[in-house]
């Protein structure tokens, strides 16, 4: 169930050239400048004179740079590319009382993940993202979206050594996320994205995620846009259940799978807005504008233009930076062209939605 179908319009830029508006954004992560990675290495080197204050300044500089890069590409809502974050669970686990780290765990192949353990009741201490948001908002000329790793993933991707069940842990974390969102809203945030990649790997727990979301949005003004990002997986195992989630937008990764699953949502009953990945975060090549336009039309099979958000499939941090920028720039250009063609009547939503054999 959509919390407020009207809260999307606040992100329409002034003097937008078209009557139609496809909201353009990014999922979150973005390639770090090479010098920032070097700065992190220097800060960890005991023999280096580069200290924590220097690293903080480097993070500030990178956040300004990437935020400006997003704006230069034309995005309607921007993030700082998560320049201050590393892995999506570790960042938050370091900031939540009750978590401990005991070293990396091998997860696949030769890849390791610094998987934390929950050894005590999780508690909220200092804000996690408020300073980050306020800095980015001050640097940006466009609205800033805030991605937060969701409580189900924070629970599922950790060892539970305290709570009776993982479900209990997820609900406790959801209450903490609610506190954080409240503080972000007080600081001026109007667009929050909850990232739950673990849902795609354990879809039978969709009811737990639904309850987590109910706790997260409790008391949050409906003018604040709440998105849910779930990358990869068999979406048919969580649809139509997601229609009951208290969200404004459901963000899916379908470009990498050539939209084989788009029909899962094209039953005419899809309730939230659709945030559709229209460029592939896994390929190091920039898709042509015409190809991206065709991908955008896939979204119009599910929702009308006023309910469609356009984004990359997932975070772009593993791509070369010039490729990531090219994808964003072409994605925005494709969206603006589709808007103009919708205005002119050159694209008919009805014909896009018609079955192929009609």
Protein backbone atom coordinates (compact mmCIF):
# COMPACT_ATOMS: atom_id res chain seq x y z
CA UNK A 1 0.00 0.00 0.00
CA UNK A 2 1.44 3.32 -0.99
CA UNK A 3 1.80 5.69 1.97
CA UNK A 4 1.25 8.84 -0.09
CA UNK A 5 1.14 8.77 -3.91
CA UNK A 6 1.60 12.55 -4.01
CA UNK A 7 4.94 12.82 -2.21
CA UNK A 8 6.88 12.12 -5.40
CA UNK A 9 5.96 15.46 -6.96
CA UNK A 10 8.15 17.41 -4.50
CA UNK A 11 11.21 16.15 -6.41
CA UNK A 12 10.14 17.59 -9.76
CA UNK A 13 12.71 20.27 -10.62
CA UNK A 14 11.56 23.83 -11.14
CA UNK A 15 11.11 24.66 -14.82
CA UNK A 16 11.01 20.96 -15.72
CA UNK A 17 10.69 20.98 -19.54
CA UNK A 18 7.99 18.29 -19.81
CA UNK A 19 4.53 17.80 -18.37
CA UNK A 20 5.45 14.18 -17.70
CA UNK A 21 8.03 13.53 -15.01
CA UNK A 22 10.08 10.36 -14.56
CA UNK A 23 11.97 10.69 -11.28
CA UNK A 24 15.66 9.89 -11.82
CA UNK A 25 17.92 8.74 -9.01
CA UNK A 26 20.65 6.25 -8.07
CA UNK A 27 20.48 3.35 -5.65
CA UNK A 28 23.35 4.53 -3.47
CA UNK A 29 26.97 3.47 -3.80
CA UNK A 30 29.31 4.96 -6.41
CA UNK A 31 32.98 4.41 -7.33
CA UNK A 32 35.33 6.09 -4.89
CA UNK A 33 38.05 8.35 -6.33
CA UNK A 34 41.35 6.47 -6.33
CA UNK A 35 42.91 9.10 -4.08
CA UNK A 36 40.26 8.43 -1.42
CA UNK A 37 41.19 4.76 -1.30
CA UNK A 38 44.82 5.83 -0.93
CA UNK A 39 43.85 8.22 1.86
CA UNK A 40 42.22 5.34 3.73
CA UNK A 41 45.38 3.27 3.43
CA UNK A 42 47.51 6.15 4.72
CA UNK A 43 45.21 6.68 7.70
CA UNK A 44 45.71 3.03 8.70
CA UNK A 45 49.50 3.23 8.32
CA UNK A 46 51.04 3.84 11.76
CA UNK A 47 54.15 5.28 10.14
CA UNK A 48 52.17 7.82 8.13
CA UNK A 49 51.50 11.37 9.29
CA UNK A 50 48.08 11.17 7.64
CA UNK A 51 45.64 10.99 10.57
CA UNK A 52 41.91 10.68 11.24
CA UNK A 53 41.34 14.42 10.75
CA UNK A 54 43.01 14.25 7.34
CA UNK A 55 40.82 11.28 6.39
CA UNK A 56 37.71 13.17 7.52
CA UNK A 57 38.68 16.06 5.25
CA UNK A 58 39.27 13.63 2.38
CA UNK A 59 35.81 12.15 2.91
CA UNK A 60 34.29 15.63 2.87
CA UNK A 61 36.06 16.44 -0.39
CA UNK A 62 34.93 13.17 -1.99
CA UNK A 63 31.33 13.70 -0.89
CA UNK A 64 31.28 17.17 -2.46
CA UNK A 65 32.84 15.83 -5.64
CA UNK A 66 30.46 12.91 -6.15
CA UNK A 67 27.38 14.90 -5.20
CA UNK A 68 28.35 17.47 -7.85
CA UNK A 69 28.99 14.64 -10.31
CA UNK A 70 25.47 13.31 -9.75
CA UNK A 71 24.03 16.77 -10.30
CA UNK A 72 26.12 17.28 -13.42
CA UNK A 73 24.68 14.05 -14.81
CA UNK A 74 21.23 15.59 -14.30
CA UNK A 75 19.80 13.37 -11.56
CA UNK A 76 16.67 14.70 -9.86
CA UNK A 77 17.71 13.31 -6.48
CA UNK A 78 21.31 12.66 -5.48
CA UNK A 79 23.41 10.86 -2.88
CA UNK A 80 27.05 11.31 -1.93
CA UNK A 81 27.92 7.91 -3.38
CA UNK A 82 28.36 6.54 0.16
CA UNK A 83 31.91 7.88 0.23
CA UNK A 84 32.12 7.43 4.00
CA UNK A 85 30.87 3.84 3.96
CA UNK A 86 32.49 0.52 3.15
CA UNK A 87 30.28 -2.58 3.34
CA UNK A 88 26.56 -1.99 3.85
CA UNK A 89 26.29 -4.02 7.07
CA UNK A 90 29.67 -3.24 8.66
CA UNK A 91 29.09 0.52 8.53
CA UNK A 92 25.93 0.29 10.64
CA UNK A 93 27.09 -2.56 12.89
CA UNK A 94 30.00 -0.37 14.02
CA UNK A 95 27.46 2.27 15.08
CA UNK A 96 24.94 0.04 16.88
CA UNK A 97 25.56 -1.03 20.47
CA UNK A 98 25.30 -4.82 20.78
CA UNK A 99 27.39 -5.75 17.74
CA UNK A 100 30.95 -7.05 17.89
CA UNK A 101 33.47 -8.02 15.21
CA UNK A 102 35.68 -11.09 15.41
CA UNK A 103 37.31 -11.12 11.99
CA UNK A 104 36.40 -11.87 8.36
CA UNK A 105 34.31 -14.84 7.27
CA UNK A 106 34.70 -16.52 3.88
CA UNK A 107 31.42 -16.13 2.00
CA UNK A 108 32.15 -17.32 -1.54
CA UNK A 109 35.19 -18.11 -3.66
CA UNK A 110 38.06 -16.03 -2.32
CA UNK A 111 35.78 -13.27 -1.00
CA UNK A 112 35.63 -12.45 2.69
CA UNK A 113 33.07 -10.45 4.66
CA UNK A 114 33.70 -8.96 8.10
CA UNK A 115 30.53 -10.54 9.47
CA UNK A 116 29.58 -9.12 12.88
CA UNK A 117 27.99 -10.88 15.83
CA UNK A 118 25.10 -9.60 17.94
CA UNK A 119 26.23 -10.40 21.48
CA UNK A 120 23.92 -8.13 23.48
CA UNK A 121 20.70 -6.18 23.10
CA UNK A 122 20.99 -3.75 20.21
CA UNK A 123 20.62 -0.14 21.27
CA UNK A 124 20.57 3.26 19.60
CA UNK A 125 23.30 5.64 20.77
CA UNK A 126 24.48 8.38 18.42
CA UNK A 127 22.82 9.10 15.02
CA UNK A 128 24.25 7.02 12.19
CA UNK A 129 23.69 9.21 9.13
CA UNK A 130 22.47 12.63 10.23
CA UNK A 131 25.86 14.34 9.93
CA UNK A 132 26.40 12.66 6.55
CA UNK A 133 22.99 13.84 5.32
CA UNK A 134 23.40 17.39 6.58
CA UNK A 135 26.81 17.71 4.93
CA UNK A 136 25.52 16.36 1.60
CA UNK A 137 22.38 18.48 1.70
CA UNK A 138 24.49 21.59 2.26
CA UNK A 139 26.71 20.68 -0.68
CA UNK A 140 23.85 19.75 -3.02
CA UNK A 141 21.52 21.94 -5.02
CA UNK A 142 19.07 19.06 -5.58
CA UNK A 143 17.18 16.88 -3.07
CA UNK A 144 19.26 14.23 -1.31
CA UNK A 145 18.14 10.62 -0.92
CA UNK A 146 19.35 8.65 2.11
CA UNK A 147 19.97 4.90 1.69
CA UNK A 148 19.89 2.82 4.92
CA UNK A 149 20.59 -0.89 5.22
CA UNK A 150 17.36 -2.45 6.44
CA UNK A 151 16.88 -4.26 9.75
CA UNK A 152 16.17 -7.64 8.18
CA UNK A 153 19.51 -7.58 6.34
CA UNK A 154 21.32 -6.22 9.40
CA UNK A 155 19.98 -9.24 11.31
CA UNK A 156 20.32 -11.88 8.60
CA UNK A 157 23.89 -10.99 7.67
CA UNK A 158 25.15 -11.21 11.26
CA UNK A 159 25.61 -14.00 13.80
CA UNK A 160 22.79 -13.85 16.36
CA UNK A 161 24.26 -14.76 19.75
CA UNK A 162 21.76 -12.92 21.96
CA UNK A 163 18.14 -12.95 20.76
CA UNK A 164 15.91 -16.02 20.86
CA UNK A 165 15.22 -15.74 17.14
CA UNK A 166 16.50 -13.77 14.18
CA UNK A 167 12.97 -12.38 13.86
CA UNK A 168 13.22 -10.83 17.33
CA UNK A 169 16.56 -9.29 16.37
CA UNK A 170 15.11 -7.86 13.14
CA UNK A 171 12.24 -6.21 15.01
CA UNK A 172 14.60 -4.71 17.60
CA UNK A 173 16.73 -3.30 14.78
CA UNK A 174 13.63 -1.96 12.99
CA UNK A 175 12.82 0.12 16.07
CA UNK A 176 16.35 1.58 15.90
CA UNK A 177 15.98 2.36 12.19
CA UNK A 178 12.75 4.17 13.04
CA UNK A 179 14.70 6.34 15.51
CA UNK A 180 17.29 7.11 12.85
CA UNK A 181 14.68 7.99 10.23
CA UNK A 182 12.97 10.30 12.72
CA UNK A 183 16.25 12.15 13.27
CA UNK A 184 16.92 12.32 9.53
CA UNK A 185 13.47 13.81 8.95
CA UNK A 186 14.10 16.37 11.70
CA UNK A 187 17.30 17.27 9.82
CA UNK A 188 15.32 17.80 6.61
CA UNK A 189 15.43 14.45 4.79
CA UNK A 190 12.44 13.78 2.55
CA UNK A 191 13.54 10.63 0.68
CA UNK A 192 14.72 7.51 2.52
CA UNK A 193 15.54 4.18 0.90
CA UNK A 194 15.59 0.96 2.93
CA UNK A 195 17.96 -1.62 1.41
CA UNK A 196 16.97 -5.24 2.02
CA UNK A 197 19.05 -7.49 -0.27
CA UNK A 198 18.67 -10.38 2.19
CA UNK A 199 14.97 -10.57 1.35
CA UNK A 200 15.85 -11.87 -2.10
CA UNK A 201 17.77 -14.78 -0.60
CA UNK A 202 15.16 -15.72 2.04
CA UNK A 203 11.85 -14.67 0.47
CA UNK A 204 9.77 -16.82 2.80
CA UNK A 205 10.37 -14.14 5.42
CA UNK A 206 8.50 -11.42 3.54
CA UNK A 207 6.05 -11.07 6.45
CA UNK A 208 8.95 -10.28 8.81
CA UNK A 209 10.17 -7.57 6.43
CA UNK A 210 6.63 -6.19 6.26
CA UNK A 211 6.45 -5.92 10.05
CA UNK A 212 9.90 -4.30 10.10
CA UNK A 213 8.71 -1.69 7.63
CA UNK A 214 5.59 -1.00 9.71
CA UNK A 215 7.86 -0.26 12.67
CA UNK A 216 10.21 1.89 10.58
CA UNK A 217 7.49 4.19 9.24
CA UNK A 218 5.58 4.48 12.53
CA UNK A 219 5.15 8.19 13.21
CA UNK A 220 6.95 9.25 10.01
CA UNK A 221 5.14 11.98 8.07
CA UNK A 222 3.65 10.75 4.80
CA UNK A 223 5.35 13.59 2.96
CA UNK A 224 8.60 11.67 3.49
CA UNK A 225 9.12 9.26 0.60
CA UNK A 226 10.00 5.72 1.71
CA UNK A 227 11.52 3.35 -0.83
CA UNK A 228 12.46 -0.32 -0.54
CA UNK A 229 15.34 -1.65 -2.63
CA UNK A 230 15.61 -5.41 -3.18
CA UNK A 231 18.29 -6.49 -5.64
CA UNK A 232 18.28 -9.77 -7.58
CA UNK A 233 16.30 -12.91 -6.70
CA UNK A 234 12.99 -14.45 -7.74
CA UNK A 235 10.53 -11.62 -7.19
CA UNK A 236 7.54 -13.87 -7.80
CA UNK A 237 8.19 -15.28 -4.32
CA UNK A 238 7.50 -11.91 -2.66
CA UNK A 239 4.79 -10.60 -4.99
CA UNK A 240 1.94 -9.69 -4.49
CA UNK A 241 2.80 -9.62 -0.78
CA UNK A 242 4.85 -6.44 -1.25
CA UNK A 243 1.62 -4.64 -2.16
CA UNK A 244 0.86 -4.65 1.57
CA UNK A 245 4.17 -3.04 2.55
CA UNK A 246 3.91 0.56 3.87
CA UNK A 247 6.20 1.99 1.21
CA UNK A 248 5.92 4.55 -1.56
CA UNK A 249 8.32 2.90 -3.98
CA UNK A 250 9.64 -0.60 -4.69
CA UNK A 251 13.07 -0.64 -6.34
CA UNK A 252 14.01 -3.73 -8.36
CA UNK A 253 17.00 -5.01 -10.31
CA UNK A 254 15.69 -6.31 -13.64
CA UNK A 255 18.01 -4.90 -16.31
CA UNK A 256 20.70 -7.50 -15.60
CA UNK A 257 18.11 -10.22 -16.24
CA UNK A 258 16.83 -8.69 -19.50
CA UNK A 259 13.47 -7.98 -17.82
CA UNK A 260 12.48 -11.63 -17.78
CA UNK A 261 10.63 -10.98 -14.52
CA UNK A 262 8.79 -7.80 -15.51
CA UNK A 263 5.59 -9.74 -16.16
CA UNK A 264 5.59 -10.74 -12.48
CA UNK A 265 4.45 -7.20 -11.69
CA UNK A 266 2.41 -6.50 -14.84
CA UNK A 267 -0.88 -7.86 -13.50
CA UNK A 268 -2.51 -4.47 -13.12
CA UNK A 269 -2.46 -4.78 -9.32
CA UNK A 270 1.01 -3.43 -8.53
CA UNK A 271 0.42 -0.96 -5.68
CA UNK A 272 3.55 1.11 -4.93
CA UNK A 273 5.48 3.25 -7.36
CA UNK A 274 8.05 1.27 -9.35
CA UNK A 275 11.73 2.21 -9.23
CA UNK A 276 13.14 0.32 -12.19
CA UNK A 277 16.77 -0.42 -12.89
CA UNK A 278 17.34 0.63 -16.52
CA UNK A 279 21.15 0.37 -16.68
CA UNK A 280 23.13 -2.68 -15.61
CA UNK A 281 25.35 -2.16 -12.57
CA UNK A 282 27.28 -5.34 -13.41
CA UNK A 283 28.57 -4.48 -16.88
CA UNK A 284 31.45 -2.08 -17.49
CA UNK A 285 30.00 -0.51 -20.61
CA UNK A 286 27.72 2.48 -21.08
CA UNK A 287 24.39 1.58 -22.60
CA UNK A 288 23.26 3.78 -25.54
CA UNK A 289 20.41 6.19 -24.86
CA UNK A 290 18.11 4.36 -27.28
CA UNK A 291 18.62 1.07 -25.42
CA UNK A 292 17.87 2.72 -22.10
CA UNK A 293 14.69 4.23 -23.52
CA UNK A 294 13.52 0.73 -24.41
CA UNK A 295 14.29 -0.37 -20.86
CA UNK A 296 12.23 2.51 -19.47
CA UNK A 297 9.27 1.34 -21.54
CA UNK A 298 9.46 -1.96 -19.67
CA UNK A 299 8.46 -0.06 -16.55
CA UNK A 300 5.39 1.38 -18.28
CA UNK A 301 4.08 -2.17 -18.56
CA UNK A 302 3.66 -2.08 -14.78
CA UNK A 303 2.88 1.52 -13.78
CA UNK A 304 1.90 4.78 -15.51
CA UNK A 305 4.61 7.43 -15.98
CA UNK A 306 3.59 9.33 -12.84
CA UNK A 307 4.50 6.24 -10.77
CA UNK A 308 7.80 5.38 -12.46
CA UNK A 309 11.25 6.10 -11.03
CA UNK A 310 14.33 5.48 -13.17
CA UNK A 311 17.61 4.29 -11.65
CA UNK A 312 20.52 1.90 -12.15
CA UNK A 313 19.91 -1.72 -11.19
CA UNK A 314 21.96 -1.43 -8.01
CA UNK A 315 24.88 0.47 -6.53
CA UNK A 316 27.62 1.36 -9.04
CA UNK A 317 30.66 1.24 -6.75
CA UNK A 318 32.36 -1.71 -8.50
CA UNK A 319 32.45 0.01 -11.90
CA UNK A 320 35.13 2.31 -13.32
CA UNK A 321 34.11 5.82 -12.39
CA UNK A 322 33.89 7.10 -15.98
CA UNK A 323 31.58 4.18 -16.85
CA UNK A 324 29.37 4.88 -13.84
CA UNK A 325 29.07 8.53 -14.83
CA UNK A 326 28.31 7.65 -18.46
CA UNK A 327 25.54 5.32 -17.37
CA UNK A 328 23.94 8.03 -15.23
CA UNK A 329 24.25 10.69 -17.91
CA UNK A 330 22.68 8.48 -20.60
CA UNK A 331 20.00 7.29 -18.19
CA UNK A 332 18.91 10.86 -17.47
CA UNK A 333 18.95 11.77 -21.16
CA UNK A 334 16.85 8.70 -21.98
CA UNK A 335 14.32 9.62 -19.28
CA UNK A 336 14.03 13.20 -20.55
CA UNK A 337 13.50 11.95 -24.12
CA UNK A 338 10.80 9.52 -23.02
CA UNK A 339 9.05 12.33 -21.12
CA UNK A 340 9.06 14.53 -24.23
CA UNK A 341 7.73 11.67 -26.38
CA UNK A 342 4.97 11.00 -23.85
CA UNK A 343 4.03 14.70 -23.95
CA UNK A 344 3.93 14.61 -27.74
CA UNK A 345 1.83 11.44 -27.82
CA UNK A 346 4.60 9.55 -29.62
CA UNK A 347 4.54 6.95 -26.85
CA UNK A 348 1.20 5.45 -25.86
CA UNK A 349 1.15 3.79 -22.45
CA UNK A 350 -1.79 1.68 -23.57
CA UNK A 351 0.17 0.25 -26.50
CA UNK A 352 3.18 -0.43 -24.28
CA UNK A 353 0.97 -2.42 -21.90
CA UNK A 354 -0.84 -4.36 -24.62
CA UNK A 355 0.11 -8.07 -24.77
CA UNK A 356 2.52 -8.91 -27.57
CA UNK A 357 -0.10 -10.93 -29.49
CA UNK A 358 -2.74 -8.16 -29.47
